[in-house]
Amino acid sequence: MTMQRSDTNMAAGDEDELNARAIAAMVAGTERTSAIILVGLMAVCIGLPLLFGIARGHPLLGIANALLLGLVGWGAALLIHVAVLNPVSAIRYARAANLLDRRIRCEAGSVALHRCWSEGSPGAITVTHDGRVRLADRSTHYRPIVLERADIRRAEAVAHYHLHQPGHPRTAFGIGLPIGGGLMATIARTPRPKAPRVSASHAVVMHYAERDNPVIRSTNIPLGGDLAGARMMAAMLQGKPD
């Protein structure tokens, strides 16, 4: 029975290692493709006009054309990222995040809280009822690890606020008497005061991914506009009641 359990653990470890390598290669390949497209377009759009201008004896004209086509190249690269690369990478990262989430939840046992994300890079985290934390993300090289309370240096909620003006501005109508006599109608539109709104919130965890390595690593867990959820997760990771 002990031998069978040991074989099962070894097989699970091998599977985690294969998954981690595959996810790391996928993320690195996606980021490398994005960088190559950006650098390649900018090099072509800036380098060719500049070289042609210098070759024809008009360096200033070459510089002007390079700046103009550089803006065009930047816009084309941005369009390619938004229309093609970002949707493809979002699908790939979401699949990887779901895989990590299923894996660490399967090994965690009684789960009190779990979260997976694909923003930036895939990752997943679980917190069990007895306070054990399992994490797999870029900071762990996508290998599931167990974090004890002593391994977590700090956990906090971070919010980004967006100032917006809700609704329509208030319109005030008044009738006054000007100096020259007669009635004068005035319409004053006074904007409502701007109110802060949470545009994005994160639970940031500073931890020791390797116990024999004193380097502190950071995990950024995006939770959208759910600031209360970010605070609750940070409190659970710190072992404090919310």
C-alpha atoms as a PDB file:
ATOM      1  CA  MET A   1       0.000   0.000   0.000  1.00  0.00           C
ATOM      2  CA  THR A   2       2.831   2.362   0.863  1.00  0.00           C
ATOM      3  CA  MET A   3       4.636   1.489  -2.352  1.00  0.00           C
ATOM      4  CA  GLN A   4       1.478   2.167  -4.390  1.00  0.00           C
ATOM      5  CA  ARG A   5       1.000   5.556  -2.723  1.00  0.00           C
ATOM      6  CA  SER A   6       4.625   6.451  -3.390  1.00  0.00           C
ATOM      7  CA  ASP A   7       4.237   5.526  -7.068  1.00  0.00           C
ATOM      8  CA  THR A   8       1.117   7.683  -7.267  1.00  0.00           C
ATOM      9  CA  ASN A   9       2.915  10.665  -5.753  1.00  0.00           C
ATOM     10  CA  MET A  10       5.823  10.226  -8.153  1.00  0.00           C
ATOM     11  CA  ALA A  11       3.452  10.070 -11.121  1.00  0.00           C
ATOM     12  CA  ALA A  12       1.664  13.214  -9.912  1.00  0.00           C
ATOM     13  CA  GLY A  13       5.001  14.994  -9.512  1.00  0.00           C
ATOM     14  CA  ASP A  14       6.064  14.019 -13.013  1.00  0.00           C
ATOM     15  CA  GLU A  15       2.759  15.267 -14.403  1.00  0.00           C
ATOM     16  CA  ASP A  16       3.119  18.577 -12.563  1.00  0.00           C
ATOM     17  CA  GLU A  17       6.635  18.991 -13.922  1.00  0.00           C
ATOM     18  CA  LEU A  18       5.512  18.302 -17.497  1.00  0.00           C
ATOM     19  CA  ASN A  19       2.593  20.711 -17.161  1.00  0.00           C
ATOM     20  CA  ALA A  20       4.849  23.376 -15.666  1.00  0.00           C
ATOM     21  CA  ARG A  21       7.351  23.104 -18.498  1.00  0.00           C
ATOM     22  CA  ALA A  22       4.609  23.194 -21.132  1.00  0.00           C
ATOM     23  CA  ILE A  23       2.974  26.276 -19.587  1.00  0.00           C
ATOM     24  CA  ALA A  24       6.293  28.072 -19.155  1.00  0.00           C
ATOM     25  CA  ALA A  25       7.201  27.359 -22.786  1.00  0.00           C
ATOM     26  CA  MET A  26       3.795  28.569 -23.964  1.00  0.00           C
ATOM     27  CA  VAL A  27       4.014  31.834 -22.003  1.00  0.00           C
ATOM     28  CA  ALA A  28       7.592  32.467 -23.119  1.00  0.00           C
ATOM     29  CA  GLY A  29       6.667  31.766 -26.741  1.00  0.00           C
ATOM     30  CA  THR A  30       3.683  34.119 -26.602  1.00  0.00           C
ATOM     31  CA  GLU A  31       5.731  36.930 -25.093  1.00  0.00           C
ATOM     32  CA  ARG A  32       8.554  36.335 -27.561  1.00  0.00           C
ATOM     33  CA  THR A  33       6.140  36.471 -30.516  1.00  0.00           C
ATOM     34  CA  SER A  34       4.700  39.764 -29.279  1.00  0.00           C
ATOM     35  CA  ALA A  35       8.160  41.262 -28.881  1.00  0.00           C
ATOM     36  CA  ILE A  36       9.318  40.066 -32.322  1.00  0.00           C
ATOM     37  CA  ILE A  37       6.271  41.545 -34.039  1.00  0.00           C
ATOM     38  CA  LEU A  38       6.688  44.891 -32.301  1.00  0.00           C
ATOM     39  CA  VAL A  39      10.442  45.142 -32.850  1.00  0.00           C
ATOM     40  CA  GLY A  40      10.200  43.878 -36.438  1.00  0.00           C
ATOM     41  CA  LEU A  41       7.521  46.331 -37.485  1.00  0.00           C
ATOM     42  CA  MET A  42       9.277  49.241 -35.840  1.00  0.00           C
ATOM     43  CA  ALA A  43      12.616  48.273 -37.406  1.00  0.00           C
ATOM     44  CA  VAL A  44      11.115  48.070 -40.897  1.00  0.00           C
ATOM     45  CA  CYS A  45       9.008  51.228 -40.591  1.00  0.00           C
ATOM     46  CA  ILE A  46      11.850  53.310 -39.131  1.00  0.00           C
ATOM     47  CA  GLY A  47      14.951  51.724 -40.633  1.00  0.00           C
ATOM     48  CA  LEU A  48      13.961  51.568 -44.331  1.00  0.00           C
ATOM     49  CA  PRO A  49      12.870  55.233 -44.739  1.00  0.00           C
ATOM     50  CA  LEU A  50      15.949  56.381 -42.826  1.00  0.00           C
ATOM     51  CA  LEU A  51      18.287  54.318 -45.003  1.00  0.00           C
ATOM     52  CA  PHE A  52      16.611  55.462 -48.226  1.00  0.00           C
ATOM     53  CA  GLY A  53      16.837  59.090 -47.135  1.00  0.00           C
ATOM     54  CA  ILE A  54      20.519  58.809 -46.318  1.00  0.00           C
ATOM     55  CA  ALA A  55      21.232  56.936 -49.564  1.00  0.00           C
ATOM     56  CA  ARG A  56      19.529  59.643 -51.617  1.00  0.00           C
ATOM     57  CA  GLY A  57      21.322  62.440 -49.820  1.00  0.00           C
ATOM     58  CA  HIS A  58      18.266  63.679 -47.889  1.00  0.00           C
ATOM     59  CA  PRO A  59      18.850  62.603 -44.277  1.00  0.00           C
ATOM     60  CA  LEU A  60      16.340  65.100 -42.831  1.00  0.00           C
ATOM     61  CA  LEU A  61      13.631  63.827 -45.153  1.00  0.00           C
ATOM     62  CA  GLY A  62      14.577  60.272 -44.192  1.00  0.00           C
ATOM     63  CA  ILE A  63      14.242  61.132 -40.502  1.00  0.00           C
ATOM     64  CA  ALA A  64      10.841  62.749 -41.075  1.00  0.00           C
ATOM     65  CA  ASN A  65       9.590  59.745 -43.033  1.00  0.00           C
ATOM     66  CA  ALA A  66      10.989  57.380 -40.395  1.00  0.00           C
ATOM     67  CA  LEU A  67       9.119  59.205 -37.632  1.00  0.00           C
ATOM     68  CA  LEU A  68       5.896  59.185 -39.620  1.00  0.00           C
ATOM     69  CA  LEU A  69       6.106  55.535 -40.590  1.00  0.00           C
ATOM     70  CA  GLY A  70       7.226  54.702 -37.063  1.00  0.00           C
ATOM     71  CA  LEU A  71       3.865  55.933 -35.798  1.00  0.00           C
ATOM     72  CA  VAL A  72       2.153  53.880 -38.476  1.00  0.00           C
ATOM     73  CA  GLY A  73       4.153  50.810 -37.457  1.00  0.00           C
ATOM     74  CA  TRP A  74       3.316  51.341 -33.800  1.00  0.00           C
ATOM     75  CA  GLY A  75      -0.379  51.562 -34.657  1.00  0.00           C
ATOM     76  CA  ALA A  76      -0.169  48.412 -36.809  1.00  0.00           C
ATOM     77  CA  ALA A  77       1.589  46.515 -34.015  1.00  0.00           C
ATOM     78  CA  LEU A  78      -1.044  47.684 -31.534  1.00  0.00           C
ATOM     79  CA  LEU A  79      -3.822  46.585 -33.887  1.00  0.00           C
ATOM     80  CA  ILE A  80      -2.241  43.153 -34.339  1.00  0.00           C
ATOM     81  CA  HIS A  81      -1.922  42.756 -30.585  1.00  0.00           C
ATOM     82  CA  VAL A  82      -5.511  43.776 -29.891  1.00  0.00           C
ATOM     83  CA  ALA A  83      -7.129  41.900 -32.786  1.00  0.00           C
ATOM     84  CA  VAL A  84      -5.002  38.737 -32.923  1.00  0.00           C
ATOM     85  CA  LEU A  85      -2.372  38.182 -30.247  1.00  0.00           C
ATOM     86  CA  ASN A  86      -4.335  39.233 -27.165  1.00  0.00           C
ATOM     87  CA  PRO A  87      -7.390  37.025 -27.905  1.00  0.00           C
ATOM     88  CA  VAL A  88      -5.195  34.031 -28.731  1.00  0.00           C
ATOM     89  CA  SER A  89      -3.028  34.472 -25.631  1.00  0.00           C
ATOM     90  CA  ALA A  90      -6.130  35.001 -23.464  1.00  0.00           C
ATOM     91  CA  ILE A  91      -7.536  31.641 -24.590  1.00  0.00           C
ATOM     92  CA  ARG A  92      -4.223  29.861 -24.020  1.00  0.00           C
ATOM     93  CA  TYR A  93      -3.633  31.482 -20.634  1.00  0.00           C
ATOM     94  CA  ALA A  94      -7.200  30.678 -19.510  1.00  0.00           C
ATOM     95  CA  ARG A  95      -6.730  27.000 -20.377  1.00  0.00           C
ATOM     96  CA  ALA A  96      -3.435  26.908 -18.506  1.00  0.00           C
ATOM     97  CA  ALA A  97      -4.964  28.656 -15.485  1.00  0.00           C
ATOM     98  CA  ASN A  98      -7.855  26.185 -15.379  1.00  0.00           C
ATOM     99  CA  LEU A  99      -5.392  23.303 -15.562  1.00  0.00           C
ATOM    100  CA  LEU A 100      -3.380  24.688 -12.654  1.00  0.00           C
ATOM    101  CA  ASP A 101      -6.563  25.356 -10.693  1.00  0.00           C
ATOM    102  CA  ARG A 102      -7.832  21.795 -11.122  1.00  0.00           C
ATOM    103  CA  ARG A 103      -4.459  20.381 -10.173  1.00  0.00           C
ATOM    104  CA  ILE A 104      -3.917  22.286  -6.942  1.00  0.00           C
ATOM    105  CA  ARG A 105      -7.559  21.911  -5.864  1.00  0.00           C
ATOM    106  CA  CYS A 106      -7.281  18.168  -6.374  1.00  0.00           C
ATOM    107  CA  GLU A 107      -4.224  18.039  -4.136  1.00  0.00           C
ATOM    108  CA  ALA A 108      -5.416  20.605  -1.580  1.00  0.00           C
ATOM    109  CA  GLY A 109      -8.286  18.613  -0.086  1.00  0.00           C
ATOM    110  CA  SER A 110     -10.797  20.747   1.837  1.00  0.00           C
ATOM    111  CA  VAL A 111     -10.694  24.105   0.005  1.00  0.00           C
ATOM    112  CA  ALA A 112     -11.981  27.261   1.680  1.00  0.00           C
ATOM    113  CA  LEU A 113     -11.054  29.649  -1.124  1.00  0.00           C
ATOM    114  CA  HIS A 114      -9.592  29.284  -4.583  1.00  0.00           C
ATOM    115  CA  ARG A 115      -8.867  31.565  -7.491  1.00  0.00           C
ATOM    116  CA  CYS A 116      -7.337  31.188 -10.942  1.00  0.00           C
ATOM    117  CA  TRP A 117      -6.405  33.968 -13.330  1.00  0.00           C
ATOM    118  CA  SER A 118      -5.044  34.516 -16.818  1.00  0.00           C
ATOM    119  CA  GLU A 119      -4.247  38.229 -16.721  1.00  0.00           C
ATOM    120  CA  GLY A 120      -0.575  38.795 -17.510  1.00  0.00           C
ATOM    121  CA  SER A 121       0.272  35.130 -17.052  1.00  0.00           C
ATOM    122  CA  PRO A 122      -1.686  32.085 -15.843  1.00  0.00           C
ATOM    123  CA  GLY A 123      -1.846  31.179 -12.186  1.00  0.00           C
ATOM    124  CA  ALA A 124      -3.971  29.588  -9.472  1.00  0.00           C
ATOM    125  CA  ILE A 125      -4.135  29.615  -5.681  1.00  0.00           C
ATOM    126  CA  THR A 126      -6.109  27.734  -3.030  1.00  0.00           C
ATOM    127  CA  VAL A 127      -6.499  28.195   0.705  1.00  0.00           C
ATOM    128  CA  THR A 128      -7.643  25.218   2.753  1.00  0.00           C
ATOM    129  CA  HIS A 129      -9.718  25.372   5.911  1.00  0.00           C
ATOM    130  CA  ASP A 130      -6.647  24.583   8.004  1.00  0.00           C
ATOM    131  CA  GLY A 131      -4.767  27.555   6.498  1.00  0.00           C
ATOM    132  CA  ARG A 132      -2.506  25.755   4.022  1.00  0.00           C
ATOM    133  CA  VAL A 133      -1.902  27.644   0.796  1.00  0.00           C
ATOM    134  CA  ARG A 134      -1.156  25.990  -2.529  1.00  0.00           C
ATOM    135  CA  LEU A 135       0.120  28.231  -5.315  1.00  0.00           C
ATOM    136  CA  ALA A 136       1.161  27.784  -8.936  1.00  0.00           C
ATOM    137  CA  ASP A 137       2.070  30.792 -11.079  1.00  0.00           C
ATOM    138  CA  ARG A 138       5.029  32.534 -12.686  1.00  0.00           C
ATOM    139  CA  SER A 139       6.761  32.995  -9.316  1.00  0.00           C
ATOM    140  CA  THR A 140       6.779  29.210  -8.777  1.00  0.00           C
ATOM    141  CA  HIS A 141       7.649  28.465 -12.420  1.00  0.00           C
ATOM    142  CA  TYR A 142       4.097  27.073 -12.699  1.00  0.00           C
ATOM    143  CA  ARG A 143       4.906  24.209 -10.301  1.00  0.00           C
ATOM    144  CA  PRO A 144       2.394  23.712  -7.458  1.00  0.00           C
ATOM    145  CA  ILE A 145       3.963  24.526  -4.103  1.00  0.00           C
ATOM    146  CA  VAL A 146       2.672  24.601  -0.534  1.00  0.00           C
ATOM    147  CA  LEU A 147       3.071  27.829   1.420  1.00  0.00           C
ATOM    148  CA  GLU A 148       3.033  27.704   5.192  1.00  0.00           C
ATOM    149  CA  ARG A 149       2.214  30.755   7.268  1.00  0.00           C
ATOM    150  CA  ALA A 150       5.906  31.382   7.808  1.00  0.00           C
ATOM    151  CA  ASP A 151       6.479  31.411   4.038  1.00  0.00           C
ATOM    152  CA  ILE A 152       4.093  34.330   3.491  1.00  0.00           C
ATOM    153  CA  ARG A 153       5.898  37.578   4.218  1.00  0.00           C
ATOM    154  CA  ARG A 154       2.996  39.912   3.483  1.00  0.00           C
ATOM    155  CA  ALA A 155      -0.414  39.874   1.825  1.00  0.00           C
ATOM    156  CA  GLU A 156      -2.395  42.998   1.061  1.00  0.00           C
ATOM    157  CA  ALA A 157      -5.201  44.292  -1.115  1.00  0.00           C
ATOM    158  CA  VAL A 158      -4.344  46.932  -3.704  1.00  0.00           C
ATOM    159  CA  ALA A 159      -6.969  48.989  -5.528  1.00  0.00           C
ATOM    160  CA  HIS A 160      -6.752  51.230  -8.566  1.00  0.00           C
ATOM    161  CA  TYR A 161      -9.351  53.983  -8.657  1.00  0.00           C
ATOM    162  CA  HIS A 162     -10.902  55.651 -11.658  1.00  0.00           C
ATOM    163  CA  LEU A 163     -12.430  59.094 -11.227  1.00  0.00           C
ATOM    164  CA  HIS A 164     -15.656  59.349 -13.166  1.00  0.00           C
ATOM    165  CA  GLN A 165     -18.640  61.625 -13.282  1.00  0.00           C
ATOM    166  CA  PRO A 166     -21.762  59.507 -12.912  1.00  0.00           C
ATOM    167  CA  GLY A 167     -25.008  60.502 -14.572  1.00  0.00           C
ATOM    168  CA  HIS A 168     -25.638  63.812 -16.269  1.00  0.00           C
ATOM    169  CA  PRO A 169     -24.634  67.242 -14.988  1.00  0.00           C
ATOM    170  CA  ARG A 170     -27.285  69.076 -13.015  1.00  0.00           C
ATOM    171  CA  THR A 171     -28.999  71.968 -14.792  1.00  0.00           C
ATOM    172  CA  ALA A 172     -30.101  75.001 -12.783  1.00  0.00           C
ATOM    173  CA  PHE A 173     -32.488  77.617 -14.208  1.00  0.00           C
ATOM    174  CA  GLY A 174     -32.744  81.078 -12.728  1.00  0.00           C
ATOM    175  CA  ILE A 175     -34.240  84.502 -13.505  1.00  0.00           C
ATOM    176  CA  GLY A 176     -32.272  87.583 -12.549  1.00  0.00           C
ATOM    177  CA  LEU A 177     -32.479  91.375 -12.915  1.00  0.00           C
ATOM    178  CA  PRO A 178     -29.442  92.831 -14.737  1.00  0.00           C
ATOM    179  CA  ILE A 179     -28.101  96.314 -14.075  1.00  0.00           C
ATOM    180  CA  GLY A 180     -29.750  97.838 -17.153  1.00  0.00           C
ATOM    181  CA  GLY A 181     -33.229  96.715 -16.157  1.00  0.00           C
ATOM    182  CA  GLY A 182     -35.368  93.955 -17.566  1.00  0.00           C
ATOM    183  CA  LEU A 183     -35.395  90.251 -16.895  1.00  0.00           C
ATOM    184  CA  MET A 184     -32.597  87.913 -17.840  1.00  0.00           C
ATOM    185  CA  ALA A 185     -32.914  84.142 -17.845  1.00  0.00           C
ATOM    186  CA  THR A 186     -29.756  82.177 -17.065  1.00  0.00           C
ATOM    187  CA  ILE A 187     -29.068  78.480 -17.316  1.00  0.00           C
ATOM    188  CA  ALA A 188     -26.152  77.112 -15.331  1.00  0.00           C
ATOM    189  CA  ARG A 189     -24.931  73.575 -15.731  1.00  0.00           C
ATOM    190  CA  THR A 190     -23.037  72.468 -12.654  1.00  0.00           C
ATOM    191  CA  PRO A 191     -21.248  69.136 -12.873  1.00  0.00           C
ATOM    192  CA  ARG A 192     -21.724  66.639 -10.112  1.00  0.00           C
ATOM    193  CA  PRO A 193     -18.673  66.046  -7.952  1.00  0.00           C
ATOM    194  CA  LYS A 194     -16.436  63.273  -9.216  1.00  0.00           C
ATOM    195  CA  ALA A 195     -16.646  60.067  -7.222  1.00  0.00           C
ATOM    196  CA  PRO A 196     -13.878  57.474  -7.113  1.00  0.00           C
ATOM    197  CA  ARG A 197     -14.682  54.037  -8.522  1.00  0.00           C
ATOM    198  CA  VAL A 198     -12.575  50.916  -8.199  1.00  0.00           C
ATOM    199  CA  SER A 199     -11.392  50.039 -11.695  1.00  0.00           C
ATOM    200  CA  ALA A 200      -9.147  47.130 -10.686  1.00  0.00           C
ATOM    201  CA  SER A 201      -8.160  45.389  -7.484  1.00  0.00           C
ATOM    202  CA  HIS A 202      -5.450  42.861  -6.673  1.00  0.00           C
ATOM    203  CA  ALA A 203      -4.361  40.696  -3.798  1.00  0.00           C
ATOM    204  CA  VAL A 204      -0.570  40.961  -3.666  1.00  0.00           C
ATOM    205  CA  VAL A 205       1.282  38.170  -1.869  1.00  0.00           C
ATOM    206  CA  MET A 206       4.962  38.424  -0.952  1.00  0.00           C
ATOM    207  CA  HIS A 207       6.278  34.943  -0.199  1.00  0.00           C
ATOM    208  CA  TYR A 208       9.234  32.595  -0.149  1.00  0.00           C
ATOM    209  CA  ALA A 209       8.686  30.194  -3.040  1.00  0.00           C
ATOM    210  CA  GLU A 210      11.730  28.126  -2.001  1.00  0.00           C
ATOM    211  CA  ARG A 211      12.532  27.561   1.645  1.00  0.00           C
ATOM    212  CA  ASP A 212      16.244  27.220   1.042  1.00  0.00           C
ATOM    213  CA  ASN A 213      16.238  30.414  -1.035  1.00  0.00           C
ATOM    214  CA  PRO A 214      15.849  33.724   0.856  1.00  0.00           C
ATOM    215  CA  VAL A 215      14.604  35.582  -2.250  1.00  0.00           C
ATOM    216  CA  ILE A 216      11.122  37.030  -1.750  1.00  0.00           C
ATOM    217  CA  ARG A 217       8.810  36.535  -4.702  1.00  0.00           C
ATOM    218  CA  SER A 218       5.601  38.353  -5.510  1.00  0.00           C
ATOM    219  CA  THR A 219       2.271  37.010  -6.755  1.00  0.00           C
ATOM    220  CA  ASN A 220      -0.307  39.418  -8.114  1.00  0.00           C
ATOM    221  CA  ILE A 221      -3.838  37.982  -8.020  1.00  0.00           C
ATOM    222  CA  PRO A 222      -6.264  40.073 -10.103  1.00  0.00           C
ATOM    223  CA  LEU A 223      -9.850  40.290  -8.850  1.00  0.00           C
ATOM    224  CA  GLY A 224     -11.323  42.906 -11.186  1.00  0.00           C
ATOM    225  CA  GLY A 225     -13.368  45.500  -9.337  1.00  0.00           C
ATOM    226  CA  ASP A 226     -14.002  43.240  -6.322  1.00  0.00           C
ATOM    227  CA  LEU A 227     -12.063  45.136  -3.668  1.00  0.00           C
ATOM    228  CA  ALA A 228     -13.908  43.341  -0.870  1.00  0.00           C
ATOM    229  CA  GLY A 229     -12.845  40.014  -2.340  1.00  0.00           C
ATOM    230  CA  ALA A 230      -9.235  41.192  -2.557  1.00  0.00           C
ATOM    231  CA  ARG A 231      -9.312  42.236   1.093  1.00  0.00           C
ATOM    232  CA  MET A 232     -10.866  38.933   2.138  1.00  0.00           C
ATOM    233  CA  MET A 233      -8.245  36.949   0.234  1.00  0.00           C
ATOM    234  CA  ALA A 234      -5.389  38.995   1.699  1.00  0.00           C
ATOM    235  CA  ALA A 235      -6.798  38.471   5.203  1.00  0.00           C
ATOM    236  CA  MET A 236      -7.111  34.716   4.691  1.00  0.00           C
ATOM    237  CA  LEU A 237      -3.572  34.481   3.337  1.00  0.00           C
ATOM    238  CA  GLN A 238      -2.285  36.359   6.373  1.00  0.00           C
ATOM    239  CA  GLY A 239      -4.336  34.141   8.682  1.00  0.00           C
ATOM    240  CA  LYS A 240      -6.328  37.073   9.993  1.00  0.00           C
ATOM    241  CA  PRO A 241     -10.115  37.346  10.247  1.00  0.00           C
ATOM    242  CA  ASP A 242     -11.538  39.757   7.683  1.00  0.00           C
END
